[in-house]
Amino acid sequence: MGTDSYADETTVGDRGSVPVPAEIRDRFDIQPGDKIRWRLTDDGDIELEVVNQRFGAFEGFEPIDIGETNAADEHNLSGAQ
């Protein structure tokens, strides 16, 4: 951030956790479940990248109809009729 940017201070917890200030969360749309990637540059600076992880792995897939099932079929994993 530049010299005219917002500045805040947080405290590292006992287990290494660091709270992200609310203004930073709001500006970069950081939500629960998102990840922050930390990188050290060759110059000794720290770069952060926000990785949105708030949706399931199959969020974009459409369900397909595989036929009607009944209660007896739902528990028959062996394939026997």
N, C-alpha and C. Protein backbone atom coordinates (compact mmCIF):
# COMPACT_ATOMS: atom_id res chain seq x y z
N MET A 1 0.83 -1.19 0.00
CA MET A 1 0.00 0.00 0.00
C MET A 1 0.88 1.25 0.00
N GLY A 2 0.38 2.30 -0.60
CA GLY A 2 1.13 3.55 -0.65
C GLY A 2 1.12 4.27 0.67
N THR A 3 1.83 5.39 0.73
CA THR A 3 1.94 6.13 1.98
C THR A 3 0.63 6.80 2.39
N ASP A 4 -0.29 7.04 1.43
CA ASP A 4 -1.56 7.68 1.77
C ASP A 4 -2.67 6.66 2.02
N SER A 5 -2.30 5.37 2.12
CA SER A 5 -3.27 4.31 2.31
C SER A 5 -3.66 4.17 3.77
N TYR A 6 -4.77 3.45 3.99
CA TYR A 6 -5.26 3.13 5.31
C TYR A 6 -4.22 2.30 6.06
N ALA A 7 -4.02 2.57 7.32
CA ALA A 7 -3.09 1.79 8.14
C ALA A 7 -3.83 1.28 9.36
N ASP A 8 -3.55 0.05 9.73
CA ASP A 8 -4.14 -0.55 10.92
C ASP A 8 -3.11 -1.49 11.51
N GLU A 9 -3.34 -1.93 12.72
CA GLU A 9 -2.42 -2.82 13.40
C GLU A 9 -3.21 -3.96 14.00
N THR A 10 -2.70 -5.18 13.85
CA THR A 10 -3.32 -6.34 14.48
C THR A 10 -2.26 -7.08 15.29
N THR A 11 -2.70 -7.94 16.16
CA THR A 11 -1.80 -8.70 17.02
C THR A 11 -1.82 -10.16 16.62
N VAL A 12 -0.65 -10.76 16.50
CA VAL A 12 -0.54 -12.18 16.18
C VAL A 12 -0.94 -12.97 17.42
N GLY A 13 -1.88 -13.93 17.23
CA GLY A 13 -2.35 -14.75 18.34
C GLY A 13 -1.35 -15.83 18.73
N ASP A 14 -1.64 -16.55 19.80
CA ASP A 14 -0.76 -17.60 20.32
C ASP A 14 -0.46 -18.68 19.30
N ARG A 15 -1.41 -18.96 18.41
CA ARG A 15 -1.23 -20.02 17.41
C ARG A 15 -0.85 -19.46 16.04
N GLY A 16 -0.45 -18.19 15.98
CA GLY A 16 -0.02 -17.58 14.74
C GLY A 16 -1.12 -16.96 13.92
N SER A 17 -2.35 -16.92 14.43
CA SER A 17 -3.45 -16.34 13.67
C SER A 17 -3.34 -14.81 13.68
N VAL A 18 -3.75 -14.21 12.58
CA VAL A 18 -3.71 -12.76 12.44
C VAL A 18 -5.07 -12.29 11.94
N PRO A 19 -5.79 -11.47 12.71
CA PRO A 19 -7.07 -10.96 12.24
C PRO A 19 -6.86 -9.96 11.09
N VAL A 20 -7.76 -10.01 10.13
CA VAL A 20 -7.71 -9.07 9.01
C VAL A 20 -8.65 -7.91 9.35
N PRO A 21 -8.14 -6.68 9.34
CA PRO A 21 -8.98 -5.53 9.69
C PRO A 21 -10.22 -5.44 8.79
N ALA A 22 -11.32 -4.96 9.35
CA ALA A 22 -12.60 -4.89 8.65
C ALA A 22 -12.52 -4.10 7.35
N GLU A 23 -11.82 -2.98 7.35
CA GLU A 23 -11.73 -2.16 6.13
C GLU A 23 -11.02 -2.94 5.01
N ILE A 24 -10.02 -3.73 5.35
CA ILE A 24 -9.31 -4.55 4.36
C ILE A 24 -10.24 -5.66 3.86
N ARG A 25 -10.96 -6.33 4.79
CA ARG A 25 -11.91 -7.38 4.39
C ARG A 25 -12.97 -6.82 3.44
N ASP A 26 -13.50 -5.65 3.76
CA ASP A 26 -14.54 -5.04 2.94
C ASP A 26 -14.00 -4.64 1.57
N ARG A 27 -12.86 -4.00 1.54
CA ARG A 27 -12.30 -3.51 0.27
C ARG A 27 -11.97 -4.64 -0.69
N PHE A 28 -11.47 -5.76 -0.16
CA PHE A 28 -11.05 -6.87 -1.01
C PHE A 28 -12.05 -8.03 -1.00
N ASP A 29 -13.24 -7.79 -0.44
CA ASP A 29 -14.32 -8.78 -0.39
C ASP A 29 -13.84 -10.12 0.17
N ILE A 30 -13.16 -10.06 1.29
CA ILE A 30 -12.67 -11.27 1.96
C ILE A 30 -13.79 -11.80 2.85
N GLN A 31 -14.20 -13.04 2.61
CA GLN A 31 -15.30 -13.67 3.32
C GLN A 31 -14.80 -14.91 4.07
N PRO A 32 -15.57 -15.39 5.06
CA PRO A 32 -15.20 -16.63 5.74
C PRO A 32 -15.01 -17.75 4.71
N GLY A 33 -13.96 -18.52 4.87
CA GLY A 33 -13.65 -19.61 3.96
C GLY A 33 -12.65 -19.22 2.89
N ASP A 34 -12.47 -17.92 2.63
CA ASP A 34 -11.46 -17.48 1.67
C ASP A 34 -10.08 -17.75 2.24
N LYS A 35 -9.10 -17.80 1.35
CA LYS A 35 -7.72 -18.03 1.78
C LYS A 35 -6.87 -16.84 1.40
N ILE A 36 -5.80 -16.65 2.13
CA ILE A 36 -4.82 -15.62 1.81
C ILE A 36 -3.49 -16.32 1.58
N ARG A 37 -2.93 -16.11 0.39
CA ARG A 37 -1.62 -16.68 0.05
C ARG A 37 -0.55 -15.64 0.36
N TRP A 38 0.49 -16.08 1.04
CA TRP A 38 1.59 -15.21 1.43
C TRP A 38 2.82 -15.57 0.58
N ARG A 39 3.47 -14.55 0.04
CA ARG A 39 4.69 -14.77 -0.75
C ARG A 39 5.76 -13.78 -0.29
N LEU A 40 6.99 -14.27 -0.21
CA LEU A 40 8.13 -13.40 0.03
C LEU A 40 8.78 -13.11 -1.31
N THR A 41 9.03 -11.84 -1.59
CA THR A 41 9.69 -11.47 -2.84
C THR A 41 11.20 -11.54 -2.65
N ASP A 42 11.92 -11.48 -3.76
CA ASP A 42 13.38 -11.46 -3.70
C ASP A 42 13.90 -10.23 -2.97
N ASP A 43 13.10 -9.16 -2.97
CA ASP A 43 13.48 -7.91 -2.28
C ASP A 43 13.19 -7.95 -0.79
N GLY A 44 12.58 -9.05 -0.30
CA GLY A 44 12.26 -9.16 1.12
C GLY A 44 10.90 -8.60 1.49
N ASP A 45 10.09 -8.22 0.48
CA ASP A 45 8.74 -7.74 0.74
C ASP A 45 7.78 -8.92 0.84
N ILE A 46 6.60 -8.66 1.40
CA ILE A 46 5.55 -9.67 1.50
C ILE A 46 4.44 -9.30 0.53
N GLU A 47 4.00 -10.26 -0.27
CA GLU A 47 2.84 -10.08 -1.15
C GLU A 47 1.73 -10.98 -0.66
N LEU A 48 0.50 -10.48 -0.71
CA LEU A 48 -0.66 -11.26 -0.32
C LEU A 48 -1.60 -11.40 -1.51
N GLU A 49 -2.23 -12.57 -1.63
CA GLU A 49 -3.23 -12.81 -2.66
C GLU A 49 -4.46 -13.40 -2.00
N VAL A 50 -5.63 -12.84 -2.27
CA VAL A 50 -6.88 -13.37 -1.74
C VAL A 50 -7.40 -14.42 -2.71
N VAL A 51 -7.70 -15.61 -2.19
CA VAL A 51 -8.24 -16.70 -3.00
C VAL A 51 -9.64 -17.00 -2.49
N ASN A 52 -10.64 -16.69 -3.31
CA ASN A 52 -12.03 -16.92 -2.90
C ASN A 52 -12.31 -18.42 -2.86
N GLN A 53 -12.71 -18.92 -1.70
CA GLN A 53 -12.98 -20.34 -1.48
C GLN A 53 -14.33 -20.57 -0.85
N ARG A 54 -15.27 -19.67 -1.08
CA ARG A 54 -16.52 -19.77 -0.33
C ARG A 54 -17.57 -20.67 -0.95
N PHE A 55 -17.26 -21.31 -2.08
CA PHE A 55 -18.23 -22.18 -2.73
C PHE A 55 -17.69 -23.59 -2.80
N GLY A 56 -18.58 -24.57 -2.86
CA GLY A 56 -18.18 -25.96 -2.95
C GLY A 56 -17.55 -26.30 -4.29
N ALA A 57 -16.87 -27.43 -4.34
CA ALA A 57 -16.16 -27.84 -5.55
C ALA A 57 -17.11 -28.09 -6.72
N PHE A 58 -18.36 -28.45 -6.46
CA PHE A 58 -19.30 -28.78 -7.52
C PHE A 58 -20.36 -27.69 -7.71
N GLU A 59 -20.06 -26.49 -7.26
CA GLU A 59 -21.03 -25.39 -7.30
C GLU A 59 -21.53 -25.10 -8.72
N GLY A 60 -20.67 -25.19 -9.74
CA GLY A 60 -21.06 -24.85 -11.09
C GLY A 60 -21.70 -25.97 -11.89
N PHE A 61 -21.79 -27.16 -11.33
CA PHE A 61 -22.34 -28.30 -12.06
C PHE A 61 -23.86 -28.37 -11.94
N GLU A 62 -24.52 -28.75 -13.02
CA GLU A 62 -25.96 -28.94 -13.02
C GLU A 62 -26.26 -30.40 -12.67
N PRO A 63 -27.23 -30.67 -11.80
CA PRO A 63 -27.59 -32.05 -11.49
C PRO A 63 -28.23 -32.71 -12.70
N ILE A 64 -28.06 -34.03 -12.81
CA ILE A 64 -28.70 -34.77 -13.90
C ILE A 64 -29.66 -35.80 -13.31
N ASP A 65 -30.68 -36.14 -14.06
CA ASP A 65 -31.67 -37.13 -13.63
C ASP A 65 -31.13 -38.51 -13.98
N ILE A 66 -30.89 -39.34 -12.96
CA ILE A 66 -30.39 -40.69 -13.21
C ILE A 66 -31.49 -41.74 -13.02
N GLY A 67 -32.70 -41.30 -12.97
CA GLY A 67 -33.83 -42.22 -12.82
C GLY A 67 -34.41 -42.16 -11.43
N GLU A 68 -35.59 -42.73 -11.32
CA GLU A 68 -36.32 -42.72 -10.06
C GLU A 68 -35.75 -43.78 -9.13
N THR A 69 -35.66 -43.48 -7.85
CA THR A 69 -35.21 -44.45 -6.84
C THR A 69 -36.29 -44.59 -5.79
N ASN A 70 -36.23 -45.71 -5.07
CA ASN A 70 -37.12 -45.88 -3.93
C ASN A 70 -36.27 -46.18 -2.72
N ALA A 71 -36.88 -46.27 -1.55
CA ALA A 71 -36.14 -46.44 -0.30
C ALA A 71 -35.27 -47.69 -0.32
N ALA A 72 -35.72 -48.79 -0.91
CA ALA A 72 -34.94 -50.03 -0.96
C ALA A 72 -33.70 -49.86 -1.83
N ASP A 73 -33.81 -49.15 -2.94
CA ASP A 73 -32.68 -48.94 -3.83
C ASP A 73 -31.61 -48.04 -3.23
N GLU A 74 -32.01 -47.10 -2.40
CA GLU A 74 -31.07 -46.13 -1.85
C GLU A 74 -30.00 -46.77 -0.98
N HIS A 75 -30.29 -47.91 -0.34
CA HIS A 75 -29.35 -48.55 0.55
C HIS A 75 -28.69 -49.78 -0.04
N ASN A 76 -28.99 -50.10 -1.28
CA ASN A 76 -28.41 -51.27 -1.92
C ASN A 76 -27.18 -50.85 -2.72
N LEU A 77 -26.00 -50.88 -2.07
CA LEU A 77 -24.77 -50.47 -2.71
C LEU A 77 -24.09 -51.59 -3.46
N SER A 78 -24.53 -52.83 -3.29
CA SER A 78 -23.87 -53.98 -3.92
C SER A 78 -24.27 -54.15 -5.38
N GLY A 79 -25.37 -53.55 -5.79
CA GLY A 79 -25.87 -53.71 -7.15
C GLY A 79 -26.81 -54.89 -7.30
N ALA A 80 -26.97 -55.70 -6.25
CA ALA A 80 -27.87 -56.85 -6.31
C ALA A 80 -29.31 -56.38 -6.32
N GLN A 81 -30.17 -57.07 -7.03
CA GLN A 81 -31.59 -56.72 -7.11
C GLN A 81 -32.39 -57.42 -6.07
